[in-house]
C-alpha atoms as a PDB file:
ATOM      1  CA  MET A   1      -0.046   0.055   0.083  1.00  0.00           C
ATOM      2  CA  ALA A   2       1.255   3.323  -0.817  1.00  0.00           C
ATOM      3  CA  THR A   3       2.200   5.915   1.943  1.00  0.00           C
ATOM      4  CA  VAL A   4      -0.219   8.870   1.717  1.00  0.00           C
ATOM      5  CA  PRO A   5       1.537  12.059   2.621  1.00  0.00           C
ATOM      6  CA  ASP A   6       0.433  13.678   5.747  1.00  0.00           C
ATOM      7  CA  THR A   7      -1.312  17.097   5.248  1.00  0.00           C
ATOM      8  CA  SER A   8      -2.579  19.558   7.899  1.00  0.00           C
ATOM      9  CA  GLY A   9      -5.099  16.948   9.051  1.00  0.00           C
ATOM     10  CA  VAL A  10      -7.469  19.685   9.982  1.00  0.00           C
ATOM     11  CA  PRO A  11      -9.179  21.242   6.778  1.00  0.00           C
ATOM     12  CA  GLY A  12     -10.711  24.409   7.480  1.00  0.00           C
ATOM     13  CA  ALA A  13      -9.454  24.605  10.890  1.00  0.00           C
ATOM     14  CA  ARG A  14      -8.455  28.175  12.337  1.00  0.00           C
ATOM     15  CA  ASP A  15      -7.080  29.783  15.345  1.00  0.00           C
ATOM     16  CA  ALA A  16      -6.901  33.430  16.601  1.00  0.00           C
ATOM     17  CA  LEU A  17      -4.524  34.136  14.005  1.00  0.00           C
ATOM     18  CA  GLY A  18      -6.743  33.027  10.950  1.00  0.00           C
ATOM     19  CA  PRO A  19      -6.913  29.877   9.068  1.00  0.00           C
ATOM     20  CA  LEU A  20      -4.093  27.446   9.334  1.00  0.00           C
ATOM     21  CA  LYS A  21      -2.032  26.919   6.535  1.00  0.00           C
ATOM     22  CA  ASP A  22      -1.581  23.442   4.749  1.00  0.00           C
ATOM     23  CA  ARG A  23       1.246  21.489   6.520  1.00  0.00           C
ATOM     24  CA  GLU A  24       2.614  20.015   3.276  1.00  0.00           C
ATOM     25  CA  ARG A  25       2.598  23.384   1.339  1.00  0.00           C
ATOM     26  CA  VAL A  26       4.709  25.163   4.177  1.00  0.00           C
ATOM     27  CA  ALA A  27       7.149  22.277   4.273  1.00  0.00           C
ATOM     28  CA  GLN A  28       7.482  22.396   0.610  1.00  0.00           C
ATOM     29  CA  ARG A  29       8.355  26.204   0.581  1.00  0.00           C
ATOM     30  CA  LEU A  30      10.713  25.754   3.527  1.00  0.00           C
ATOM     31  CA  LEU A  31      12.479  22.771   1.804  1.00  0.00           C
ATOM     32  CA  GLU A  32      12.794  25.162  -1.435  1.00  0.00           C
ATOM     33  CA  SER A  33      14.355  27.834   0.825  1.00  0.00           C
ATOM     34  CA  SER A  34      16.694  25.464   2.410  1.00  0.00           C
ATOM     35  CA  ALA A  35      17.891  24.291  -1.175  1.00  0.00           C
ATOM     36  CA  ARG A  36      18.517  27.986  -2.002  1.00  0.00           C
ATOM     37  CA  HIS A  37      20.026  29.183   1.366  1.00  0.00           C
ATOM     38  CA  SER A  38      21.899  26.717   3.413  1.00  0.00           C
ATOM     39  CA  PHE A  39      25.432  27.105   4.495  1.00  0.00           C
ATOM     40  CA  ASP A  40      28.455  24.677   5.112  1.00  0.00           C
ATOM     41  CA  PRO A  41      30.141  26.473   8.087  1.00  0.00           C
ATOM     42  CA  ASP A  42      33.611  24.351   7.645  1.00  0.00           C
ATOM     43  CA  THR A  43      34.015  25.910   4.101  1.00  0.00           C
ATOM     44  CA  ASP A  44      31.706  29.223   4.176  1.00  0.00           C
ATOM     45  CA  LEU A  45      33.599  30.642   7.235  1.00  0.00           C
ATOM     46  CA  ASP A  46      37.593  31.396   7.420  1.00  0.00           C
ATOM     47  CA  TRP A  47      38.586  29.423  10.574  1.00  0.00           C
ATOM     48  CA  ALA A  48      42.236  30.047   9.555  1.00  0.00           C
ATOM     49  CA  ALA A  49      42.078  33.986   9.934  1.00  0.00           C
ATOM     50  CA  PRO A  50      43.404  35.352  13.079  1.00  0.00           C
ATOM     51  CA  LEU A  51      41.066  37.135  15.733  1.00  0.00           C
ATOM     52  CA  GLU A  52      41.059  40.837  15.395  1.00  0.00           C
ATOM     53  CA  PRO A  53      42.709  42.823  18.151  1.00  0.00           C
ATOM     54  CA  GLY A  54      40.575  45.288  19.701  1.00  0.00           C
ATOM     55  CA  LYS A  55      37.155  43.721  18.705  1.00  0.00           C
ATOM     56  CA  TRP A  56      34.346  42.451  20.673  1.00  0.00           C
ATOM     57  CA  TYR A  57      32.662  38.883  20.620  1.00  0.00           C
ATOM     58  CA  CYS A  58      29.248  40.579  20.860  1.00  0.00           C
ATOM     59  CA  PRO A  59      27.788  44.005  21.031  1.00  0.00           C
ATOM     60  CA  PRO A  60      28.877  45.407  24.300  1.00  0.00           C
ATOM     61  CA  GLU A  61      25.180  46.264  25.118  1.00  0.00           C
ATOM     62  CA  LEU A  62      24.370  42.444  24.855  1.00  0.00           C
ATOM     63  CA  VAL A  63      27.094  41.958  27.491  1.00  0.00           C
ATOM     64  CA  SER A  64      25.252  40.957  30.796  1.00  0.00           C
ATOM     65  CA  LEU A  65      26.798  43.444  33.234  1.00  0.00           C
ATOM     66  CA  TYR A  66      26.515  46.208  30.708  1.00  0.00           C
ATOM     67  CA  GLY A  67      25.559  49.720  32.214  1.00  0.00           C
ATOM     68  CA  THR A  68      25.811  48.252  35.826  1.00  0.00           C
ATOM     69  CA  PRO A  69      28.190  49.938  38.528  1.00  0.00           C
ATOM     70  CA  LEU A  70      30.560  46.862  38.264  1.00  0.00           C
ATOM     71  CA  TRP A  71      30.690  47.362  34.385  1.00  0.00           C
ATOM     72  CA  ARG A  72      31.545  50.978  35.004  1.00  0.00           C
ATOM     73  CA  ARG A  73      34.600  50.095  37.228  1.00  0.00           C
ATOM     74  CA  MET A  74      35.863  47.475  34.481  1.00  0.00           C
ATOM     75  CA  PRO A  75      38.540  48.610  32.140  1.00  0.00           C
ATOM     76  CA  GLU A  76      37.658  48.326  28.499  1.00  0.00           C
ATOM     77  CA  GLU A  77      40.056  45.299  28.136  1.00  0.00           C
ATOM     78  CA  GLN A  78      38.334  43.218  30.936  1.00  0.00           C
ATOM     79  CA  ARG A  79      34.897  44.190  29.266  1.00  0.00           C
ATOM     80  CA  MET A  80      35.934  42.779  25.782  1.00  0.00           C
ATOM     81  CA  ASP A  81      37.486  39.571  27.652  1.00  0.00           C
ATOM     82  CA  LEU A  82      34.009  39.177  29.397  1.00  0.00           C
ATOM     83  CA  SER A  83      32.173  39.188  25.999  1.00  0.00           C
ATOM     84  CA  ARG A  84      34.421  36.705  24.790  1.00  0.00           C
ATOM     85  CA  HIS A  85      33.644  34.347  27.542  1.00  0.00           C
ATOM     86  CA  GLU A  86      29.890  35.259  27.235  1.00  0.00           C
ATOM     87  CA  ILE A  87      29.781  34.246  23.620  1.00  0.00           C
ATOM     88  CA  ALA A  88      31.366  31.000  24.558  1.00  0.00           C
ATOM     89  CA  SER A  89      28.646  30.593  27.332  1.00  0.00           C
ATOM     90  CA  LEU A  90      25.716  31.488  24.900  1.00  0.00           C
ATOM     91  CA  ALA A  91      27.206  28.976  22.039  1.00  0.00           C
ATOM     92  CA  SER A  92      27.590  26.258  24.836  1.00  0.00           C
ATOM     93  CA  LEU A  93      23.715  26.894  25.696  1.00  0.00           C
ATOM     94  CA  GLY A  94      22.881  26.804  22.158  1.00  0.00           C
ATOM     95  CA  ILE A  95      24.495  23.579  21.642  1.00  0.00           C
ATOM     96  CA  TRP A  96      22.901  21.993  24.604  1.00  0.00           C
ATOM     97  CA  PHE A  97      19.419  23.580  23.549  1.00  0.00           C
ATOM     98  CA  GLU A  98      19.890  22.106  19.906  1.00  0.00           C
ATOM     99  CA  ILE A  99      20.643  18.720  21.161  1.00  0.00           C
ATOM    100  CA  ILE A 100      17.261  18.723  22.820  1.00  0.00           C
ATOM    101  CA  LEU A 101      15.712  20.228  19.944  1.00  0.00           C
ATOM    102  CA  MET A 102      16.839  17.451  17.660  1.00  0.00           C
ATOM    103  CA  GLN A 103      15.708  14.709  19.910  1.00  0.00           C
ATOM    104  CA  LEU A 104      12.232  16.419  19.934  1.00  0.00           C
ATOM    105  CA  LEU A 105      12.051  16.779  16.223  1.00  0.00           C
ATOM    106  CA  VAL A 106      13.104  12.768  15.835  1.00  0.00           C
ATOM    107  CA  ARG A 107      10.362  12.096  18.119  1.00  0.00           C
ATOM    108  CA  HIS A 108       7.842  14.197  16.455  1.00  0.00           C
ATOM    109  CA  VAL A 109       8.330  12.416  12.994  1.00  0.00           C
ATOM    110  CA  TYR A 110       8.779   9.037  14.296  1.00  0.00           C
ATOM    111  CA  ASP A 111       5.096   8.307  13.671  1.00  0.00           C
ATOM    112  CA  LYS A 112       4.494  10.387  10.354  1.00  0.00           C
ATOM    113  CA  PRO A 113       4.570   9.403   6.782  1.00  0.00           C
ATOM    114  CA  VAL A 114       8.378   9.256   5.717  1.00  0.00           C
ATOM    115  CA  THR A 115       7.519  10.282   2.147  1.00  0.00           C
ATOM    116  CA  SER A 116       5.823  13.549   3.231  1.00  0.00           C
ATOM    117  CA  SER A 117       7.285  16.823   2.892  1.00  0.00           C
ATOM    118  CA  HIS A 118       6.626  17.802   6.586  1.00  0.00           C
ATOM    119  CA  VAL A 119       9.082  14.818   7.575  1.00  0.00           C
ATOM    120  CA  HIS A 120      11.503  15.774   5.072  1.00  0.00           C
ATOM    121  CA  TYR A 121      11.744  19.296   6.341  1.00  0.00           C
ATOM    122  CA  ALA A 122      12.118  18.137   9.779  1.00  0.00           C
ATOM    123  CA  LEU A 123      15.129  15.870   8.748  1.00  0.00           C
ATOM    124  CA  THR A 124      16.316  18.765   6.906  1.00  0.00           C
ATOM    125  CA  GLU A 125      16.164  20.940  10.105  1.00  0.00           C
ATOM    126  CA  ILE A 126      17.985  18.270  12.232  1.00  0.00           C
ATOM    127  CA  ALA A 127      20.889  18.350   9.815  1.00  0.00           C
ATOM    128  CA  ASP A 128      20.925  22.211   9.970  1.00  0.00           C
ATOM    129  CA  GLU A 129      21.055  21.899  13.788  1.00  0.00           C
ATOM    130  CA  CYS A 130      24.016  19.467  13.420  1.00  0.00           C
ATOM    131  CA  ARG A 131      25.987  21.716  11.570  1.00  0.00           C
ATOM    132  CA  HIS A 132      25.127  24.431  13.888  1.00  0.00           C
ATOM    133  CA  SER A 133      26.362  22.832  17.080  1.00  0.00           C
ATOM    134  CA  LYS A 134      29.515  21.761  15.184  1.00  0.00           C
ATOM    135  CA  MET A 135      29.844  25.441  14.414  1.00  0.00           C
ATOM    136  CA  PHE A 136      29.193  26.603  17.812  1.00  0.00           C
ATOM    137  CA  ALA A 137      31.763  24.263  19.269  1.00  0.00           C
ATOM    138  CA  ARG A 138      34.280  25.226  16.779  1.00  0.00           C
ATOM    139  CA  MET A 139      33.837  28.833  17.626  1.00  0.00           C
ATOM    140  CA  ILE A 140      34.300  28.226  21.151  1.00  0.00           C
ATOM    141  CA  ASP A 141      37.513  26.593  20.343  1.00  0.00           C
ATOM    142  CA  LYS A 142      38.666  29.448  18.188  1.00  0.00           C
ATOM    143  CA  VAL A 143      37.924  32.256  20.765  1.00  0.00           C
ATOM    144  CA  GLY A 144      40.159  30.390  23.259  1.00  0.00           C
ATOM    145  CA  ALA A 145      37.447  30.284  25.889  1.00  0.00           C
ATOM    146  CA  PRO A 146      36.244  27.108  27.697  1.00  0.00           C
ATOM    147  CA  ALA A 147      32.950  25.439  26.999  1.00  0.00           C
ATOM    148  CA  TYR A 148      30.326  26.385  29.601  1.00  0.00           C
ATOM    149  CA  PRO A 149      27.777  23.524  30.234  1.00  0.00           C
ATOM    150  CA  VAL A 150      24.441  24.457  32.004  1.00  0.00           C
ATOM    151  CA  ALA A 151      24.436  23.662  35.610  1.00  0.00           C
ATOM    152  CA  ARG A 152      23.682  20.010  36.466  1.00  0.00           C
ATOM    153  CA  ARG A 153      20.298  20.758  37.915  1.00  0.00           C
ATOM    154  CA  HIS A 154      19.093  22.422  34.568  1.00  0.00           C
ATOM    155  CA  HIS A 155      20.597  19.771  32.569  1.00  0.00           C
ATOM    156  CA  ASN A 156      18.552  17.114  34.373  1.00  0.00           C
ATOM    157  CA  LEU A 157      15.413  19.219  34.826  1.00  0.00           C
ATOM    158  CA  ALA A 158      15.669  19.636  30.814  1.00  0.00           C
ATOM    159  CA  ARG A 159      15.826  15.766  30.790  1.00  0.00           C
ATOM    160  CA  VAL A 160      12.632  15.546  32.490  1.00  0.00           C
ATOM    161  CA  LEU A 161      11.022  18.394  30.369  1.00  0.00           C
ATOM    162  CA  LYS A 162      11.939  16.768  27.099  1.00  0.00           C
ATOM    163  CA  THR A 163      10.790  13.255  28.187  1.00  0.00           C
ATOM    164  CA  VAL A 164       7.148  14.578  29.244  1.00  0.00           C
ATOM    165  CA  SER A 165       7.047  17.265  26.572  1.00  0.00           C
ATOM    166  CA  THR A 166       3.649  17.251  24.845  1.00  0.00           C
ATOM    167  CA  THR A 167       4.040  17.836  20.920  1.00  0.00           C
ATOM    168  CA  PRO A 168       2.810  21.581  21.265  1.00  0.00           C
ATOM    169  CA  GLY A 169       5.187  21.794  24.208  1.00  0.00           C
ATOM    170  CA  SER A 170       8.113  20.865  22.201  1.00  0.00           C
ATOM    171  CA  PHE A 171       7.284  23.279  19.263  1.00  0.00           C
ATOM    172  CA  ALA A 172       6.785  25.969  21.878  1.00  0.00           C
ATOM    173  CA  SER A 173      10.237  25.210  23.582  1.00  0.00           C
ATOM    174  CA  THR A 174      11.609  25.179  20.350  1.00  0.00           C
ATOM    175  CA  LEU A 175      10.527  28.948  19.527  1.00  0.00           C
ATOM    176  CA  LEU A 176      11.772  29.956  23.127  1.00  0.00           C
ATOM    177  CA  GLY A 177      15.471  29.001  22.493  1.00  0.00           C
ATOM    178  CA  GLU A 178      15.442  30.033  18.918  1.00  0.00           C
ATOM    179  CA  GLU A 179      13.544  33.332  18.966  1.00  0.00           C
ATOM    180  CA  ILE A 180      15.397  35.002  21.981  1.00  0.00           C
ATOM    181  CA  LEU A 181      18.986  34.055  20.569  1.00  0.00           C
ATOM    182  CA  ASP A 182      17.965  35.050  17.148  1.00  0.00           C
ATOM    183  CA  HIS A 183      17.122  38.566  18.304  1.00  0.00           C
ATOM    184  CA  MET A 184      20.360  38.913  19.981  1.00  0.00           C
ATOM    185  CA  GLN A 185      22.383  37.437  16.899  1.00  0.00           C
ATOM    186  CA  ARG A 186      20.293  39.900  14.497  1.00  0.00           C
ATOM    187  CA  LEU A 187      21.973  42.573  16.432  1.00  0.00           C
ATOM    188  CA  THR A 188      25.330  40.858  16.301  1.00  0.00           C
ATOM    189  CA  PHE A 189      26.124  39.890  12.549  1.00  0.00           C
ATOM    190  CA  PRO A 190      25.813  43.604  11.019  1.00  0.00           C
ATOM    191  CA  ASP A 191      27.744  45.136  14.021  1.00  0.00           C
ATOM    192  CA  GLU A 192      31.300  46.010  12.819  1.00  0.00           C
ATOM    193  CA  ARG A 193      32.652  46.468  16.383  1.00  0.00           C
ATOM    194  CA  VAL A 194      32.270  42.389  16.824  1.00  0.00           C
ATOM    195  CA  GLN A 195      34.820  39.936  15.364  1.00  0.00           C
ATOM    196  CA  THR A 196      34.539  38.929  11.938  1.00  0.00           C
ATOM    197  CA  LEU A 197      34.071  35.148  12.798  1.00  0.00           C
ATOM    198  CA  VAL A 198      31.551  35.722  15.387  1.00  0.00           C
ATOM    199  CA  ARG A 199      29.315  37.980  12.768  1.00  0.00           C
ATOM    200  CA  GLY A 200      29.898  35.095  10.200  1.00  0.00           C
ATOM    201  CA  VAL A 201      28.514  32.480  12.631  1.00  0.00           C
ATOM    202  CA  THR A 202      25.599  34.737  13.780  1.00  0.00           C
ATOM    203  CA  ARG A 203      24.573  35.372  10.051  1.00  0.00           C
ATOM    204  CA  ILE A 204      24.509  31.955   9.014  1.00  0.00           C
ATOM    205  CA  HIS A 205      22.572  30.841  12.382  1.00  0.00           C
ATOM    206  CA  VAL A 206      19.980  33.882  11.615  1.00  0.00           C
ATOM    207  CA  VAL A 207      19.341  32.764   8.054  1.00  0.00           C
ATOM    208  CA  GLU A 208      18.864  29.090   8.735  1.00  0.00           C
ATOM    209  CA  GLU A 209      16.966  29.578  11.930  1.00  0.00           C
ATOM    210  CA  ALA A 210      14.270  31.903  10.201  1.00  0.00           C
ATOM    211  CA  ARG A 211      12.975  28.794   8.388  1.00  0.00           C
ATOM    212  CA  HIS A 212      12.999  26.941  11.926  1.00  0.00           C
ATOM    213  CA  VAL A 213      11.150  29.248  13.295  1.00  0.00           C
ATOM    214  CA  ARG A 214       8.341  29.377  10.691  1.00  0.00           C
ATOM    215  CA  TYR A 215       8.252  25.511  10.834  1.00  0.00           C
ATOM    216  CA  ALA A 216       7.721  25.543  14.482  1.00  0.00           C
ATOM    217  CA  ARG A 217       5.069  28.598  14.732  1.00  0.00           C
ATOM    218  CA  GLU A 218       2.870  26.915  12.053  1.00  0.00           C
ATOM    219  CA  GLU A 219       3.187  23.410  13.526  1.00  0.00           C
ATOM    220  CA  LEU A 220       2.371  25.131  16.960  1.00  0.00           C
ATOM    221  CA  ARG A 221      -0.571  26.808  15.945  1.00  0.00           C
ATOM    222  CA  ARG A 222      -2.161  23.447  14.423  1.00  0.00           C
ATOM    223  CA  GLN A 223      -1.119  21.380  17.439  1.00  0.00           C
ATOM    224  CA  MET A 224      -2.945  24.286  19.878  1.00  0.00           C
ATOM    225  CA  ALA A 225      -5.972  24.490  17.622  1.00  0.00           C
ATOM    226  CA  THR A 226      -6.595  20.593  17.740  1.00  0.00           C
ATOM    227  CA  CYS A 227      -5.139  19.152  20.829  1.00  0.00           C
ATOM    228  CA  PRO A 228      -7.113  18.201  23.797  1.00  0.00           C
ATOM    229  CA  ARG A 229      -7.675  20.568  26.888  1.00  0.00           C
ATOM    230  CA  TRP A 230      -5.788  18.641  28.965  1.00  0.00           C
ATOM    231  CA  GLU A 231      -2.873  18.685  26.662  1.00  0.00           C
ATOM    232  CA  ALA A 232      -2.892  22.249  26.108  1.00  0.00           C
ATOM    233  CA  GLU A 233      -3.073  23.078  29.884  1.00  0.00           C
ATOM    234  CA  LEU A 234       0.026  20.875  30.550  1.00  0.00           C
ATOM    235  CA  THR A 235       1.817  22.550  27.626  1.00  0.00           C
ATOM    236  CA  ARG A 236       1.216  26.080  29.080  1.00  0.00           C
ATOM    237  CA  VAL A 237       2.921  24.900  32.402  1.00  0.00           C
ATOM    238  CA  SER A 238       5.498  22.960  30.834  1.00  0.00           C
ATOM    239  CA  THR A 239       6.429  25.815  28.492  1.00  0.00           C
ATOM    240  CA  GLY A 240       6.505  28.320  31.421  1.00  0.00           C
ATOM    241  CA  GLU A 241       8.831  26.167  33.392  1.00  0.00           C
ATOM    242  CA  ALA A 242      11.009  25.843  30.400  1.00  0.00           C
ATOM    243  CA  ALA A 243      11.181  29.437  30.236  1.00  0.00           C
ATOM    244  CA  ARG A 244      12.109  29.884  33.668  1.00  0.00           C
ATOM    245  CA  VAL A 245      14.950  27.064  33.297  1.00  0.00           C
ATOM    246  CA  PHE A 246      16.136  28.841  30.212  1.00  0.00           C
ATOM    247  CA  THR A 247      16.606  32.188  31.670  1.00  0.00           C
ATOM    248  CA  ALA A 248      18.423  31.012  34.701  1.00  0.00           C
ATOM    249  CA  ALA A 249      20.999  29.003  32.619  1.00  0.00           C
ATOM    250  CA  PHE A 250      21.192  31.766  29.940  1.00  0.00           C
ATOM    251  CA  ILE A 251      24.975  32.876  31.314  1.00  0.00           C
ATOM    252  CA  ASN A 252      26.919  30.569  33.195  1.00  0.00           C
ATOM    253  CA  PRO A 253      28.221  32.524  36.248  1.00  0.00           C
ATOM    254  CA  GLN A 254      31.617  31.042  35.746  1.00  0.00           C
ATOM    255  CA  VAL A 255      32.345  33.547  33.219  1.00  0.00           C
ATOM    256  CA  TYR A 256      32.669  36.239  35.994  1.00  0.00           C
ATOM    257  CA  THR A 257      35.124  34.377  37.889  1.00  0.00           C
ATOM    258  CA  ASN A 258      37.262  33.335  34.835  1.00  0.00           C
ATOM    259  CA  VAL A 259      37.718  37.424  33.936  1.00  0.00           C
ATOM    260  CA  GLY A 260      38.568  38.021  37.390  1.00  0.00           C
ATOM    261  CA  LEU A 261      35.184  39.632  38.786  1.00  0.00           C
ATOM    262  CA  ASP A 262      33.745  38.406  42.011  1.00  0.00           C
ATOM    263  CA  ARG A 263      30.877  36.204  41.083  1.00  0.00           C
ATOM    264  CA  ARG A 264      28.334  36.640  43.717  1.00  0.00           C
ATOM    265  CA  GLU A 265      28.633  40.575  43.155  1.00  0.00           C
ATOM    266  CA  ALA A 266      28.291  40.209  39.327  1.00  0.00           C
ATOM    267  CA  VAL A 267      25.260  37.765  39.493  1.00  0.00           C
ATOM    268  CA  ALA A 268      23.470  40.038  42.086  1.00  0.00           C
ATOM    269  CA  GLN A 269      24.063  43.199  39.635  1.00  0.00           C
ATOM    270  CA  VAL A 270      23.017  41.433  36.529  1.00  0.00           C
ATOM    271  CA  ARG A 271      19.786  40.353  38.411  1.00  0.00           C
ATOM    272  CA  ALA A 272      19.205  44.029  39.439  1.00  0.00           C
ATOM    273  CA  SER A 273      19.914  45.316  36.246  1.00  0.00           C
ATOM    274  CA  GLY A 274      17.074  46.988  34.158  1.00  0.00           C
ATOM    275  CA  HIS A 275      19.090  47.187  31.140  1.00  0.00           C
ATOM    276  CA  ARG A 276      19.463  43.439  31.150  1.00  0.00           C
ATOM    277  CA  ARG A 277      15.973  43.019  31.876  1.00  0.00           C
ATOM    278  CA  GLU A 278      14.897  44.908  28.865  1.00  0.00           C
ATOM    279  CA  VAL A 279      17.370  43.143  26.581  1.00  0.00           C
ATOM    280  CA  MET A 280      15.846  39.603  27.445  1.00  0.00           C
ATOM    281  CA  ARG A 281      12.135  40.971  27.327  1.00  0.00           C
ATOM    282  CA  ALA A 282      12.873  42.510  23.770  1.00  0.00           C
ATOM    283  CA  GLY A 283      14.340  39.223  22.851  1.00  0.00           C
ATOM    284  CA  ALA A 284      11.159  37.335  23.934  1.00  0.00           C
ATOM    285  CA  GLU A 285       8.629  40.087  22.839  1.00  0.00           C
ATOM    286  CA  ARG A 286       7.658  38.608  19.508  1.00  0.00           C
ATOM    287  CA  LEU A 287       7.459  35.376  20.836  1.00  0.00           C
ATOM    288  CA  THR A 288       5.498  36.216  23.947  1.00  0.00           C
ATOM    289  CA  GLY A 289       3.066  37.953  21.650  1.00  0.00           C
ATOM    290  CA  PHE A 290       2.587  35.080  19.484  1.00  0.00           C
ATOM    291  CA  LEU A 291       2.098  32.687  22.230  1.00  0.00           C
ATOM    292  CA  ASP A 292      -0.413  35.131  23.947  1.00  0.00           C
ATOM    293  CA  ASP A 293      -2.242  35.306  20.607  1.00  0.00           C
ATOM    294  CA  ILE A 294      -2.843  31.419  20.269  1.00  0.00           C
ATOM    295  CA  GLY A 295      -3.739  30.835  23.947  1.00  0.00           C
ATOM    296  CA  LEU A 296      -0.441  29.461  25.467  1.00  0.00           C
ATOM    297  CA  LEU A 297       0.056  32.370  28.292  1.00  0.00           C
ATOM    298  CA  ARG A 298      -2.856  31.588  30.686  1.00  0.00           C
ATOM    299  CA  GLY A 299      -3.226  30.665  34.055  1.00  0.00           C
ATOM    300  CA  ALA A 300      -0.212  29.017  35.934  1.00  0.00           C
ATOM    301  CA  GLY A 301       1.778  28.912  32.717  1.00  0.00           C
ATOM    302  CA  ARG A 302       1.673  32.783  32.603  1.00  0.00           C
ATOM    303  CA  ARG A 303       2.797  32.908  36.083  1.00  0.00           C
ATOM    304  CA  LEU A 304       5.694  30.953  35.624  1.00  0.00           C
ATOM    305  CA  TRP A 305       6.393  33.174  32.456  1.00  0.00           C
ATOM    306  CA  ARG A 306       6.367  36.080  34.687  1.00  0.00           C
ATOM    307  CA  SER A 307       8.670  34.644  37.058  1.00  0.00           C
ATOM    308  CA  SER A 308      11.311  33.914  34.229  1.00  0.00           C
ATOM    309  CA  GLY A 309      11.530  37.849  33.676  1.00  0.00           C
ATOM    310  CA  LEU A 310      10.623  37.430  30.099  1.00  0.00           C
ATOM    311  CA  LEU A 311       6.945  38.492  30.328  1.00  0.00           C
ATOM    312  CA  ALA A 312       6.686  42.298  31.640  1.00  0.00           C
END
């Protein structure tokens, strides 16, 4: 018997944002875009070029301590060194998150028709994420900073969250990691104050992640419009908890020790920083607006998002 491609499965369905798009057509367009605009970081970036003296590793405004009393006391060289360690910390976070994402995507397509464009695009995205993880690891090595794994409690909590995650929860969590980092990278790759290699890495990631965000948004809308009430409520809570874990793990506090700062003082000043709070909320603004529109920011889930600091 021939396998029938899996389309939206919900003809005529709609949500607060309007009619749901056909799953297969969305995937076909994303596959076409992938064929036109995909990269091989091993050959498309100049890894042999030396790092440039006097350049940042991310825009200074995105460094966690920017604008704090401690920042004002730090010499410029120490500030730049902190940006080097923080870009390594964010790259480490990105690898951790993408490994989780790949597991969730594989689980999502396990029961789907293997000849469908929806599955083919998921496999394409998994291949993208493999390249991204290798690219981030190579960048960490190139800038001469250590890898910064997330805290063991966050590592193990993520193990639980991805195991119990609902299908809509998987796509909501995917967007959580992708859209906040994407916002920061869109500020990084055009900034000529930043190292050329870092700008190249962030540009590749932004171009390819735009497709991943589209895929996740369309599928999350479909899932939330069709899932049972209990699954929607569980998704609200699990996604809110994922937001709390993600923000807590965002920068490994060891970066402050490694640049010669008092770790406790630095962490306290980051937590008290209005600028840092605004940076994080700006990164999450498009996402939280979308999640609110499709009914994910309600009840206990909304309270967890507020406690994460990402929701004003």
